[in-house]
Amino acid sequence: MSNSLVADVRDLKSRLEWGRPAFTVIDTRDRLAYNQGHIIGAISIPLDQLEDCVLSTLHRERRIYIYGDNQAQSTQAVRSLQLLGFKAVAVLNGGLQAWKTIGGAVEGIAA
């Protein structure tokens, strides 16, 4: 198994600012955490539902960025998707906190 790809939050922010939306951002935290605050445009798919949901909704060639409660959870999600045949999956390094640190847009109750 190859190492998980790691994406920098600045790269994601740049893609959003330049209007290159051919990607999906997945938040693997539980719904409560997602509702409190998440990267704008991220979809909520809790880790325990990830495999079932992505197979029916996302193309295996689509670029996917993943973040969760911590780097280990994100890495687990990426590996699960790689095993299912998804090719362009990456952990969003530093997750939501790193995103907020660079001034990335967030939405939610506490955002």
PDB file of N, CA and C in Angstrom:
ATOM      1  N   MET A   1       0.856  -1.189   0.000  1.00  0.00           N
ATOM      2  CA  MET A   1       0.000   0.000   0.000  1.00  0.00           C
ATOM      3  C   MET A   1       0.888   1.233   0.000  1.00  0.00           C
ATOM      4  N   SER A   2       0.633   2.130  -0.903  1.00  0.00           N
ATOM      5  CA  SER A   2       1.423   3.362  -0.955  1.00  0.00           C
ATOM      6  C   SER A   2       1.015   4.291   0.175  1.00  0.00           C
ATOM      7  N   ASN A   3       1.905   5.212   0.488  1.00  0.00           N
ATOM      8  CA  ASN A   3       1.590   6.176   1.535  1.00  0.00           C
ATOM      9  C   ASN A   3       0.432   7.054   1.101  1.00  0.00           C
ATOM     10  N   SER A   4      -0.323   7.535   2.056  1.00  0.00           N
ATOM     11  CA  SER A   4      -1.425   8.438   1.760  1.00  0.00           C
ATOM     12  C   SER A   4      -0.875   9.745   1.217  1.00  0.00           C
ATOM     13  N   LEU A   5      -1.539  10.274   0.251  1.00  0.00           N
ATOM     14  CA  LEU A   5      -1.172  11.593  -0.229  1.00  0.00           C
ATOM     15  C   LEU A   5      -1.563  12.615   0.818  1.00  0.00           C
ATOM     16  N   VAL A   6      -0.776  13.639   0.953  1.00  0.00           N
ATOM     17  CA  VAL A   6      -1.068  14.710   1.895  1.00  0.00           C
ATOM     18  C   VAL A   6      -1.162  16.004   1.103  1.00  0.00           C
ATOM     19  N   ALA A   7      -2.239  16.737   1.298  1.00  0.00           N
ATOM     20  CA  ALA A   7      -2.451  18.008   0.601  1.00  0.00           C
ATOM     21  C   ALA A   7      -2.316  19.160   1.588  1.00  0.00           C
ATOM     22  N   ASP A   8      -1.720  20.230   1.132  1.00  0.00           N
ATOM     23  CA  ASP A   8      -1.565  21.420   1.957  1.00  0.00           C
ATOM     24  C   ASP A   8      -2.845  22.261   1.866  1.00  0.00           C
ATOM     25  N   VAL A   9      -3.258  22.834   2.985  1.00  0.00           N
ATOM     26  CA  VAL A   9      -4.485  23.643   3.000  1.00  0.00           C
ATOM     27  C   VAL A   9      -4.372  24.837   2.042  1.00  0.00           C
ATOM     28  N   ARG A  10      -3.158  25.359   1.854  1.00  0.00           N
ATOM     29  CA  ARG A  10      -2.981  26.500   0.943  1.00  0.00           C
ATOM     30  C   ARG A  10      -3.306  26.103  -0.501  1.00  0.00           C
ATOM     31  N   ASP A  11      -2.963  24.865  -0.864  1.00  0.00           N
ATOM     32  CA  ASP A  11      -3.275  24.382  -2.210  1.00  0.00           C
ATOM     33  C   ASP A  11      -4.787  24.301  -2.427  1.00  0.00           C
ATOM     34  N   LEU A  12      -5.494  23.788  -1.424  1.00  0.00           N
ATOM     35  CA  LEU A  12      -6.951  23.705  -1.520  1.00  0.00           C
ATOM     36  C   LEU A  12      -7.552  25.102  -1.613  1.00  0.00           C
ATOM     37  N   LYS A  13      -7.083  26.009  -0.778  1.00  0.00           N
ATOM     38  CA  LYS A  13      -7.598  27.379  -0.790  1.00  0.00           C
ATOM     39  C   LYS A  13      -7.368  28.018  -2.153  1.00  0.00           C
ATOM     40  N   SER A  14      -6.206  27.793  -2.730  1.00  0.00           N
ATOM     41  CA  SER A  14      -5.887  28.323  -4.059  1.00  0.00           C
ATOM     42  C   SER A  14      -6.831  27.751  -5.114  1.00  0.00           C
ATOM     43  N   ARG A  15      -7.092  26.461  -5.054  1.00  0.00           N
ATOM     44  CA  ARG A  15      -8.025  25.836  -6.013  1.00  0.00           C
ATOM     45  C   ARG A  15      -9.404  26.477  -5.909  1.00  0.00           C
ATOM     46  N   LEU A  16      -9.855  26.730  -4.685  1.00  0.00           N
ATOM     47  CA  LEU A  16     -11.161  27.355  -4.486  1.00  0.00           C
ATOM     48  C   LEU A  16     -11.176  28.783  -5.028  1.00  0.00           C
ATOM     49  N   GLU A  17     -10.117  29.539  -4.724  1.00  0.00           N
ATOM     50  CA  GLU A  17     -10.061  30.941  -5.159  1.00  0.00           C
ATOM     51  C   GLU A  17      -9.973  31.071  -6.675  1.00  0.00           C
ATOM     52  N   TRP A  18      -9.346  30.119  -7.330  1.00  0.00           N
ATOM     53  CA  TRP A  18      -9.197  30.168  -8.780  1.00  0.00           C
ATOM     54  C   TRP A  18     -10.361  29.493  -9.491  1.00  0.00           C
ATOM     55  N   GLY A  19     -11.352  29.045  -8.730  1.00  0.00           N
ATOM     56  CA  GLY A  19     -12.564  28.487  -9.335  1.00  0.00           C
ATOM     57  C   GLY A  19     -12.341  27.165 -10.039  1.00  0.00           C
ATOM     58  N   ARG A  20     -11.494  26.325  -9.464  1.00  0.00           N
ATOM     59  CA  ARG A  20     -11.268  25.000 -10.036  1.00  0.00           C
ATOM     60  C   ARG A  20     -11.973  23.980  -9.151  1.00  0.00           C
ATOM     61  N   PRO A  21     -13.292  23.829  -9.325  1.00  0.00           N
ATOM     62  CA  PRO A  21     -14.085  23.030  -8.394  1.00  0.00           C
ATOM     63  C   PRO A  21     -14.165  21.535  -8.686  1.00  0.00           C
ATOM     64  N   ALA A  22     -13.277  20.986  -9.482  1.00  0.00           N
ATOM     65  CA  ALA A  22     -13.378  19.561  -9.834  1.00  0.00           C
ATOM     66  C   ALA A  22     -12.833  18.675  -8.718  1.00  0.00           C
ATOM     67  N   PHE A  23     -13.336  18.897  -7.511  1.00  0.00           N
ATOM     68  CA  PHE A  23     -12.903  18.111  -6.368  1.00  0.00           C
ATOM     69  C   PHE A  23     -14.001  18.097  -5.319  1.00  0.00           C
ATOM     70  N   THR A  24     -13.829  17.234  -4.343  1.00  0.00           N
ATOM     71  CA  THR A  24     -14.770  17.129  -3.232  1.00  0.00           C
ATOM     72  C   THR A  24     -13.973  17.165  -1.929  1.00  0.00           C
ATOM     73  N   VAL A  25     -14.498  17.879  -0.937  1.00  0.00           N
ATOM     74  CA  VAL A  25     -13.903  17.900   0.398  1.00  0.00           C
ATOM     75  C   VAL A  25     -14.849  17.128   1.310  1.00  0.00           C
ATOM     76  N   ILE A  26     -14.306  16.128   2.001  1.00  0.00           N
ATOM     77  CA  ILE A  26     -15.114  15.304   2.897  1.00  0.00           C
ATOM     78  C   ILE A  26     -14.650  15.505   4.333  1.00  0.00           C
ATOM     79  N   ASP A  27     -15.609  15.812   5.196  1.00  0.00           N
ATOM     80  CA  ASP A  27     -15.392  15.940   6.639  1.00  0.00           C
ATOM     81  C   ASP A  27     -15.848  14.624   7.262  1.00  0.00           C
ATOM     82  N   THR A  28     -14.916  13.860   7.850  1.00  0.00           N
ATOM     83  CA  THR A  28     -15.264  12.546   8.396  1.00  0.00           C
ATOM     84  C   THR A  28     -15.600  12.571   9.885  1.00  0.00           C
ATOM     85  N   ARG A  29     -15.692  13.767  10.461  1.00  0.00           N
ATOM     86  CA  ARG A  29     -16.075  13.858  11.878  1.00  0.00           C
ATOM     87  C   ARG A  29     -17.570  13.547  12.015  1.00  0.00           C
ATOM     88  N   ASP A  30     -18.030  13.418  13.253  1.00  0.00           N
ATOM     89  CA  ASP A  30     -19.454  13.152  13.443  1.00  0.00           C
ATOM     90  C   ASP A  30     -20.283  14.391  13.072  1.00  0.00           C
ATOM     91  N   ARG A  31     -21.563  14.194  12.891  1.00  0.00           N
ATOM     92  CA  ARG A  31     -22.452  15.280  12.419  1.00  0.00           C
ATOM     93  C   ARG A  31     -22.467  16.485  13.361  1.00  0.00           C
ATOM     94  N   LEU A  32     -22.402  16.247  14.660  1.00  0.00           N
ATOM     95  CA  LEU A  32     -22.410  17.345  15.618  1.00  0.00           C
ATOM     96  C   LEU A  32     -21.199  18.252  15.395  1.00  0.00           C
ATOM     97  N   ALA A  33     -20.022  17.651  15.261  1.00  0.00           N
ATOM     98  CA  ALA A  33     -18.803  18.429  15.023  1.00  0.00           C
ATOM     99  C   ALA A  33     -18.908  19.173  13.690  1.00  0.00           C
ATOM    100  N   TYR A  34     -19.420  18.499  12.670  1.00  0.00           N
ATOM    101  CA  TYR A  34     -19.596  19.118  11.351  1.00  0.00           C
ATOM    102  C   TYR A  34     -20.536  20.327  11.450  1.00  0.00           C
ATOM    103  N   ASN A  35     -21.640  20.171  12.158  1.00  0.00           N
ATOM    104  CA  ASN A  35     -22.612  21.262  12.286  1.00  0.00           C
ATOM    105  C   ASN A  35     -22.040  22.451  13.050  1.00  0.00           C
ATOM    106  N   GLN A  36     -21.116  22.202  13.966  1.00  0.00           N
ATOM    107  CA  GLN A  36     -20.485  23.289  14.722  1.00  0.00           C
ATOM    108  C   GLN A  36     -19.628  24.162  13.811  1.00  0.00           C
ATOM    109  N   GLY A  37     -18.959  23.545  12.852  1.00  0.00           N
ATOM    110  CA  GLY A  37     -18.129  24.304  11.929  1.00  0.00           C
ATOM    111  C   GLY A  37     -17.357  23.388  11.012  1.00  0.00           C
ATOM    112  N   HIS A  38     -17.318  23.748   9.736  1.00  0.00           N
ATOM    113  CA  HIS A  38     -16.615  22.937   8.749  1.00  0.00           C
ATOM    114  C   HIS A  38     -16.159  23.826   7.592  1.00  0.00           C
ATOM    115  N   ILE A  39     -15.250  23.296   6.789  1.00  0.00           N
ATOM    116  CA  ILE A  39     -14.791  24.015   5.607  1.00  0.00           C
ATOM    117  C   ILE A  39     -15.991  24.238   4.701  1.00  0.00           C
ATOM    118  N   ILE A  40     -16.136  25.457   4.238  1.00  0.00           N
ATOM    119  CA  ILE A  40     -17.284  25.783   3.397  1.00  0.00           C
ATOM    120  C   ILE A  40     -17.291  24.884   2.157  1.00  0.00           C
ATOM    121  N   GLY A  41     -18.434  24.269   1.916  1.00  0.00           N
ATOM    122  CA  GLY A  41     -18.570  23.375   0.775  1.00  0.00           C
ATOM    123  C   GLY A  41     -18.229  21.922   1.063  1.00  0.00           C
ATOM    124  N   ALA A  42     -17.663  21.642   2.246  1.00  0.00           N
ATOM    125  CA  ALA A  42     -17.327  20.252   2.594  1.00  0.00           C
ATOM    126  C   ALA A  42     -18.615  19.466   2.818  1.00  0.00           C
ATOM    127  N   ILE A  43     -18.576  18.189   2.457  1.00  0.00           N
ATOM    128  CA  ILE A  43     -19.722  17.330   2.723  1.00  0.00           C
ATOM    129  C   ILE A  43     -19.416  16.469   3.949  1.00  0.00           C
ATOM    130  N   SER A  44     -20.450  16.194   4.710  1.00  0.00           N
ATOM    131  CA  SER A  44     -20.298  15.402   5.920  1.00  0.00           C
ATOM    132  C   SER A  44     -20.552  13.933   5.611  1.00  0.00           C
ATOM    133  N   ILE A  45     -19.506  13.128   5.784  1.00  0.00           N
ATOM    134  CA  ILE A  45     -19.656  11.673   5.713  1.00  0.00           C
ATOM    135  C   ILE A  45     -18.845  11.102   6.870  1.00  0.00           C
ATOM    136  N   PRO A  46     -19.504  10.823   7.994  1.00  0.00           N
ATOM    137  CA  PRO A  46     -18.788  10.258   9.135  1.00  0.00           C
ATOM    138  C   PRO A  46     -18.002   9.008   8.732  1.00  0.00           C
ATOM    139  N   LEU A  47     -16.862   8.814   9.359  1.00  0.00           N
ATOM    140  CA  LEU A  47     -15.937   7.745   9.001  1.00  0.00           C
ATOM    141  C   LEU A  47     -16.619   6.385   8.903  1.00  0.00           C
ATOM    142  N   ASP A  48     -17.533   6.086   9.840  1.00  0.00           N
ATOM    143  CA  ASP A  48     -18.180   4.774   9.827  1.00  0.00           C
ATOM    144  C   ASP A  48     -19.171   4.588   8.676  1.00  0.00           C
ATOM    145  N   GLN A  49     -19.478   5.650   7.949  1.00  0.00           N
ATOM    146  CA  GLN A  49     -20.393   5.569   6.805  1.00  0.00           C
ATOM    147  C   GLN A  49     -19.685   5.812   5.476  1.00  0.00           C
ATOM    148  N   LEU A  50     -18.394   6.105   5.547  1.00  0.00           N
ATOM    149  CA  LEU A  50     -17.646   6.555   4.379  1.00  0.00           C
ATOM    150  C   LEU A  50     -17.707   5.590   3.199  1.00  0.00           C
ATOM    151  N   GLU A  51     -17.354   4.345   3.426  1.00  0.00           N
ATOM    152  CA  GLU A  51     -17.289   3.393   2.314  1.00  0.00           C
ATOM    153  C   GLU A  51     -18.632   3.240   1.618  1.00  0.00           C
ATOM    154  N   ASP A  52     -19.712   3.113   2.381  1.00  0.00           N
ATOM    155  CA  ASP A  52     -21.040   2.947   1.790  1.00  0.00           C
ATOM    156  C   ASP A  52     -21.454   4.173   0.983  1.00  0.00           C
ATOM    157  N   CYS A  53     -21.191   5.361   1.513  1.00  0.00           N
ATOM    158  CA  CYS A  53     -21.638   6.595   0.857  1.00  0.00           C
ATOM    159  C   CYS A  53     -20.863   6.932  -0.407  1.00  0.00           C
ATOM    160  N   VAL A  54     -19.547   6.812  -0.371  1.00  0.00           N
ATOM    161  CA  VAL A  54     -18.771   7.271  -1.528  1.00  0.00           C
ATOM    162  C   VAL A  54     -18.954   6.393  -2.746  1.00  0.00           C
ATOM    163  N   LEU A  55     -19.156   5.111  -2.549  1.00  0.00           N
ATOM    164  CA  LEU A  55     -19.322   4.231  -3.700  1.00  0.00           C
ATOM    165  C   LEU A  55     -20.524   4.606  -4.546  1.00  0.00           C
ATOM    166  N   SER A  56     -21.577   5.080  -3.893  1.00  0.00           N
ATOM    167  CA  SER A  56     -22.789   5.415  -4.632  1.00  0.00           C
ATOM    168  C   SER A  56     -22.836   6.877  -5.082  1.00  0.00           C
ATOM    169  N   THR A  57     -21.902   7.711  -4.592  1.00  0.00           N
ATOM    170  CA  THR A  57     -22.023   9.138  -4.907  1.00  0.00           C
ATOM    171  C   THR A  57     -20.837   9.766  -5.630  1.00  0.00           C
ATOM    172  N   LEU A  58     -19.652   9.179  -5.533  1.00  0.00           N
ATOM    173  CA  LEU A  58     -18.473   9.824  -6.115  1.00  0.00           C
ATOM    174  C   LEU A  58     -17.780   8.942  -7.146  1.00  0.00           C
ATOM    175  N   HIS A  59     -17.286   9.554  -8.198  1.00  0.00           N
ATOM    176  CA  HIS A  59     -16.533   8.858  -9.233  1.00  0.00           C
ATOM    177  C   HIS A  59     -15.135   8.553  -8.703  1.00  0.00           C
ATOM    178  N   ARG A  60     -14.614   7.402  -9.030  1.00  0.00           N
ATOM    179  CA  ARG A  60     -13.306   6.982  -8.507  1.00  0.00           C
ATOM    180  C   ARG A  60     -12.139   7.844  -8.990  1.00  0.00           C
ATOM    181  N   GLU A  61     -12.338   8.607 -10.051  1.00  0.00           N
ATOM    182  CA  GLU A  61     -11.264   9.463 -10.564  1.00  0.00           C
ATOM    183  C   GLU A  61     -11.307  10.874  -9.971  1.00  0.00           C
ATOM    184  N   ARG A  62     -12.347  11.194  -9.244  1.00  0.00           N
ATOM    185  CA  ARG A  62     -12.508  12.542  -8.690  1.00  0.00           C
ATOM    186  C   ARG A  62     -11.448  12.826  -7.627  1.00  0.00           C
ATOM    187  N   ARG A  63     -10.927  14.043  -7.599  1.00  0.00           N
ATOM    188  CA  ARG A  63      -9.979  14.450  -6.563  1.00  0.00           C
ATOM    189  C   ARG A  63     -10.783  14.657  -5.271  1.00  0.00           C
ATOM    190  N   ILE A  64     -10.303  14.036  -4.189  1.00  0.00           N
ATOM    191  CA  ILE A  64     -10.992  14.108  -2.902  1.00  0.00           C
ATOM    192  C   ILE A  64     -10.000  14.521  -1.825  1.00  0.00           C
ATOM    193  N   TYR A  65     -10.395  15.535  -1.049  1.00  0.00           N
ATOM    194  CA  TYR A  65      -9.623  15.960   0.121  1.00  0.00           C
ATOM    195  C   TYR A  65     -10.398  15.513   1.352  1.00  0.00           C
ATOM    196  N   ILE A  66      -9.690  14.961   2.326  1.00  0.00           N
ATOM    197  CA  ILE A  66     -10.347  14.446   3.521  1.00  0.00           C
ATOM    198  C   ILE A  66      -9.739  15.055   4.778  1.00  0.00           C
ATOM    199  N   TYR A  67     -10.618  15.423   5.716  1.00  0.00           N
ATOM    200  CA  TYR A  67     -10.134  15.797   7.050  1.00  0.00           C
ATOM    201  C   TYR A  67     -11.098  15.240   8.078  1.00  0.00           C
ATOM    202  N   GLY A  68     -10.570  15.048   9.306  1.00  0.00           N
ATOM    203  CA  GLY A  68     -11.380  14.472  10.375  1.00  0.00           C
ATOM    204  C   GLY A  68     -10.982  15.066  11.708  1.00  0.00           C
ATOM    205  N   ASP A  69     -11.226  14.304  12.767  1.00  0.00           N
ATOM    206  CA  ASP A  69     -10.884  14.764  14.112  1.00  0.00           C
ATOM    207  C   ASP A  69      -9.376  14.895  14.289  1.00  0.00           C
ATOM    208  N   ASN A  70      -8.624  14.069  13.592  1.00  0.00           N
ATOM    209  CA  ASN A  70      -7.170  14.084  13.710  1.00  0.00           C
ATOM    210  C   ASN A  70      -6.558  13.462  12.457  1.00  0.00           C
ATOM    211  N   GLN A  71      -5.246  13.538  12.366  1.00  0.00           N
ATOM    212  CA  GLN A  71      -4.544  13.047  11.182  1.00  0.00           C
ATOM    213  C   GLN A  71      -4.706  11.534  11.016  1.00  0.00           C
ATOM    214  N   ALA A  72      -4.732  10.796  12.127  1.00  0.00           N
ATOM    215  CA  ALA A  72      -4.883   9.340  12.050  1.00  0.00           C
ATOM    216  C   ALA A  72      -6.233   8.962  11.445  1.00  0.00           C
ATOM    217  N   GLN A  73      -7.305   9.655  11.862  1.00  0.00           N
ATOM    218  CA  GLN A  73      -8.639   9.380  11.325  1.00  0.00           C
ATOM    219  C   GLN A  73      -8.679   9.705   9.827  1.00  0.00           C
ATOM    220  N   SER A  74      -8.068  10.815   9.452  1.00  0.00           N
ATOM    221  CA  SER A  74      -8.043  11.211   8.046  1.00  0.00           C
ATOM    222  C   SER A  74      -7.268  10.199   7.209  1.00  0.00           C
ATOM    223  N   THR A  75      -6.136   9.744   7.731  1.00  0.00           N
ATOM    224  CA  THR A  75      -5.318   8.766   7.018  1.00  0.00           C
ATOM    225  C   THR A  75      -6.074   7.452   6.853  1.00  0.00           C
ATOM    226  N   GLN A  76      -6.791   7.036   7.883  1.00  0.00           N
ATOM    227  CA  GLN A  76      -7.605   5.817   7.797  1.00  0.00           C
ATOM    228  C   GLN A  76      -8.652   5.954   6.692  1.00  0.00           C
ATOM    229  N   ALA A  77      -9.287   7.110   6.609  1.00  0.00           N
ATOM    230  CA  ALA A  77     -10.303   7.341   5.581  1.00  0.00           C
ATOM    231  C   ALA A  77      -9.685   7.284   4.181  1.00  0.00           C
ATOM    232  N   VAL A  78      -8.527   7.906   4.016  1.00  0.00           N
ATOM    233  CA  VAL A  78      -7.855   7.894   2.712  1.00  0.00           C
ATOM    234  C   VAL A  78      -7.512   6.458   2.316  1.00  0.00           C
ATOM    235  N   ARG A  79      -6.971   5.702   3.240  1.00  0.00           N
ATOM    236  CA  ARG A  79      -6.599   4.310   2.928  1.00  0.00           C
ATOM    237  C   ARG A  79      -7.826   3.481   2.550  1.00  0.00           C
ATOM    238  N   SER A  80      -8.935   3.705   3.242  1.00  0.00           N
ATOM    239  CA  SER A  80     -10.170   2.983   2.913  1.00  0.00           C
ATOM    240  C   SER A  80     -10.597   3.282   1.479  1.00  0.00           C
ATOM    241  N   LEU A  81     -10.531   4.553   1.108  1.00  0.00           N
ATOM    242  CA  LEU A  81     -10.940   4.923  -0.245  1.00  0.00           C
ATOM    243  C   LEU A  81      -9.959   4.393  -1.291  1.00  0.00           C
ATOM    244  N   GLN A  82      -8.674   4.401  -0.971  1.00  0.00           N
ATOM    245  CA  GLN A  82      -7.690   3.838  -1.902  1.00  0.00           C
ATOM    246  C   GLN A  82      -7.971   2.356  -2.149  1.00  0.00           C
ATOM    247  N   LEU A  83      -8.323   1.632  -1.099  1.00  0.00           N
ATOM    248  CA  LEU A  83      -8.647   0.210  -1.248  1.00  0.00           C
ATOM    249  C   LEU A  83      -9.882  -0.009  -2.115  1.00  0.00           C
ATOM    250  N   LEU A  84     -10.768   0.980  -2.140  1.00  0.00           N
ATOM    251  CA  LEU A  84     -11.973   0.897  -2.968  1.00  0.00           C
ATOM    252  C   LEU A  84     -11.711   1.341  -4.410  1.00  0.00           C
ATOM    253  N   GLY A  85     -10.475   1.752  -4.688  1.00  0.00           N
ATOM    254  CA  GLY A  85     -10.130   2.119  -6.060  1.00  0.00           C
ATOM    255  C   GLY A  85     -10.117   3.605  -6.361  1.00  0.00           C
ATOM    256  N   PHE A  86     -10.290   4.447  -5.348  1.00  0.00           N
ATOM    257  CA  PHE A  86     -10.220   5.896  -5.573  1.00  0.00           C
ATOM    258  C   PHE A  86      -8.751   6.275  -5.739  1.00  0.00           C
ATOM    259  N   LYS A  87      -8.460   7.048  -6.783  1.00  0.00           N
ATOM    260  CA  LYS A  87      -7.071   7.301  -7.170  1.00  0.00           C
ATOM    261  C   LYS A  87      -6.499   8.619  -6.656  1.00  0.00           C
ATOM    262  N   ALA A  88      -7.309   9.643  -6.539  1.00  0.00           N
ATOM    263  CA  ALA A  88      -6.817  10.985  -6.205  1.00  0.00           C
ATOM    264  C   ALA A  88      -7.369  11.432  -4.856  1.00  0.00           C
ATOM    265  N   VAL A  89      -6.958  10.740  -3.802  1.00  0.00           N
ATOM    266  CA  VAL A  89      -7.454  11.009  -2.454  1.00  0.00           C
ATOM    267  C   VAL A  89      -6.295  11.511  -1.605  1.00  0.00           C
ATOM    268  N   ALA A  90      -6.538  12.565  -0.829  1.00  0.00           N
ATOM    269  CA  ALA A  90      -5.471  13.115   0.003  1.00  0.00           C
ATOM    270  C   ALA A  90      -5.994  13.582   1.351  1.00  0.00           C
ATOM    271  N   VAL A  91      -5.165  13.420   2.364  1.00  0.00           N
ATOM    272  CA  VAL A  91      -5.428  13.974   3.688  1.00  0.00           C
ATOM    273  C   VAL A  91      -5.171  15.472   3.604  1.00  0.00           C
ATOM    274  N   LEU A  92      -6.083  16.262   4.125  1.00  0.00           N
ATOM    275  CA  LEU A  92      -5.873  17.702   4.209  1.00  0.00           C
ATOM    276  C   LEU A  92      -5.029  17.955   5.455  1.00  0.00           C
ATOM    277  N   ASN A  93      -3.751  18.213   5.244  1.00  0.00           N
ATOM    278  CA  ASN A  93      -2.785  18.315   6.335  1.00  0.00           C
ATOM    279  C   ASN A  93      -3.190  19.390   7.348  1.00  0.00           C
ATOM    280  N   GLY A  94      -3.331  18.992   8.598  1.00  0.00           N
ATOM    281  CA  GLY A  94      -3.710  19.927   9.660  1.00  0.00           C
ATOM    282  C   GLY A  94      -5.207  20.097   9.806  1.00  0.00           C
ATOM    283  N   GLY A  95      -5.971  19.595   8.857  1.00  0.00           N
ATOM    284  CA  GLY A  95      -7.426  19.600   8.934  1.00  0.00           C
ATOM    285  C   GLY A  95      -8.056  20.974   9.085  1.00  0.00           C
ATOM    286  N   LEU A  96      -9.162  20.993   9.784  1.00  0.00           N
ATOM    287  CA  LEU A  96      -9.948  22.214   9.954  1.00  0.00           C
ATOM    288  C   LEU A  96      -9.146  23.320  10.644  1.00  0.00           C
ATOM    289  N   GLN A  97      -8.353  22.960  11.629  1.00  0.00           N
ATOM    290  CA  GLN A  97      -7.589  23.978  12.355  1.00  0.00           C
ATOM    291  C   GLN A  97      -6.596  24.679  11.433  1.00  0.00           C
ATOM    292  N   ALA A  98      -5.895  23.909  10.610  1.00  0.00           N
ATOM    293  CA  ALA A  98      -4.942  24.506   9.664  1.00  0.00           C
ATOM    294  C   ALA A  98      -5.683  25.387   8.658  1.00  0.00           C
ATOM    295  N   TRP A  99      -6.852  24.935   8.243  1.00  0.00           N
ATOM    296  CA  TRP A  99      -7.675  25.694   7.302  1.00  0.00           C
ATOM    297  C   TRP A  99      -8.053  27.054   7.903  1.00  0.00           C
ATOM    298  N   LYS A 100      -8.491  27.033   9.157  1.00  0.00           N
ATOM    299  CA  LYS A 100      -8.862  28.283   9.830  1.00  0.00           C
ATOM    300  C   LYS A 100      -7.651  29.196   9.994  1.00  0.00           C
ATOM    301  N   THR A 101      -6.483  28.612  10.286  1.00  0.00           N
ATOM    302  CA  THR A 101      -5.266  29.382  10.504  1.00  0.00           C
ATOM    303  C   THR A 101      -4.888  30.215   9.280  1.00  0.00           C
ATOM    304  N   ILE A 102      -5.141  29.691   8.078  1.00  0.00           N
ATOM    305  CA  ILE A 102      -4.794  30.447   6.861  1.00  0.00           C
ATOM    306  C   ILE A 102      -5.952  31.323   6.380  1.00  0.00           C
ATOM    307  N   GLY A 103      -7.017  31.401   7.185  1.00  0.00           N
ATOM    308  CA  GLY A 103      -8.139  32.251   6.828  1.00  0.00           C
ATOM    309  C   GLY A 103      -9.108  31.634   5.843  1.00  0.00           C
ATOM    310  N   GLY A 104      -9.121  30.283   5.786  1.00  0.00           N
ATOM    311  CA  GLY A 104     -10.065  29.591   4.913  1.00  0.00           C
ATOM    312  C   GLY A 104     -11.496  29.787   5.406  1.00  0.00           C
ATOM    313  N   ALA A 105     -12.423  29.823   4.463  1.00  0.00           N
ATOM    314  CA  ALA A 105     -13.832  30.058   4.803  1.00  0.00           C
ATOM    315  C   ALA A 105     -14.430  28.832   5.486  1.00  0.00           C
ATOM    316  N   VAL A 106     -15.179  29.100   6.573  1.00  0.00           N
ATOM    317  CA  VAL A 106     -15.876  28.049   7.297  1.00  0.00           C
ATOM    318  C   VAL A 106     -17.335  28.443   7.469  1.00  0.00           C
ATOM    319  N   GLU A 107     -18.154  27.424   7.710  1.00  0.00           N
ATOM    320  CA  GLU A 107     -19.569  27.679   7.992  1.00  0.00           C
ATOM    321  C   GLU A 107     -20.013  26.711   9.067  1.00  0.00           C
ATOM    322  N   GLY A 108     -21.094  27.070   9.753  1.00  0.00           N
ATOM    323  CA  GLY A 108     -21.613  26.231  10.821  1.00  0.00           C
ATOM    324  C   GLY A 108     -22.033  27.103  12.003  1.00  0.00           C
ATOM    325  N   ILE A 109     -22.571  26.473  13.017  1.00  0.00           N
ATOM    326  CA  ILE A 109     -23.107  27.178  14.182  1.00  0.00           C
ATOM    327  C   ILE A 109     -22.048  28.041  14.871  1.00  0.00           C
ATOM    328  N   ALA A 110     -20.848  27.461  15.085  1.00  0.00           N
ATOM    329  CA  ALA A 110     -19.812  28.175  15.821  1.00  0.00           C
ATOM    330  C   ALA A 110     -18.830  28.915  14.906  1.00  0.00           C
ATOM    331  N   ALA A 111     -19.066  28.847  13.608  1.00  0.00           N
ATOM    332  CA  ALA A 111     -18.139  29.492  12.667  1.00  0.00           C
ATOM    333  C   ALA A 111     -18.283  30.943  12.760  1.00  0.00           C
TER     334      ALA A 111
END
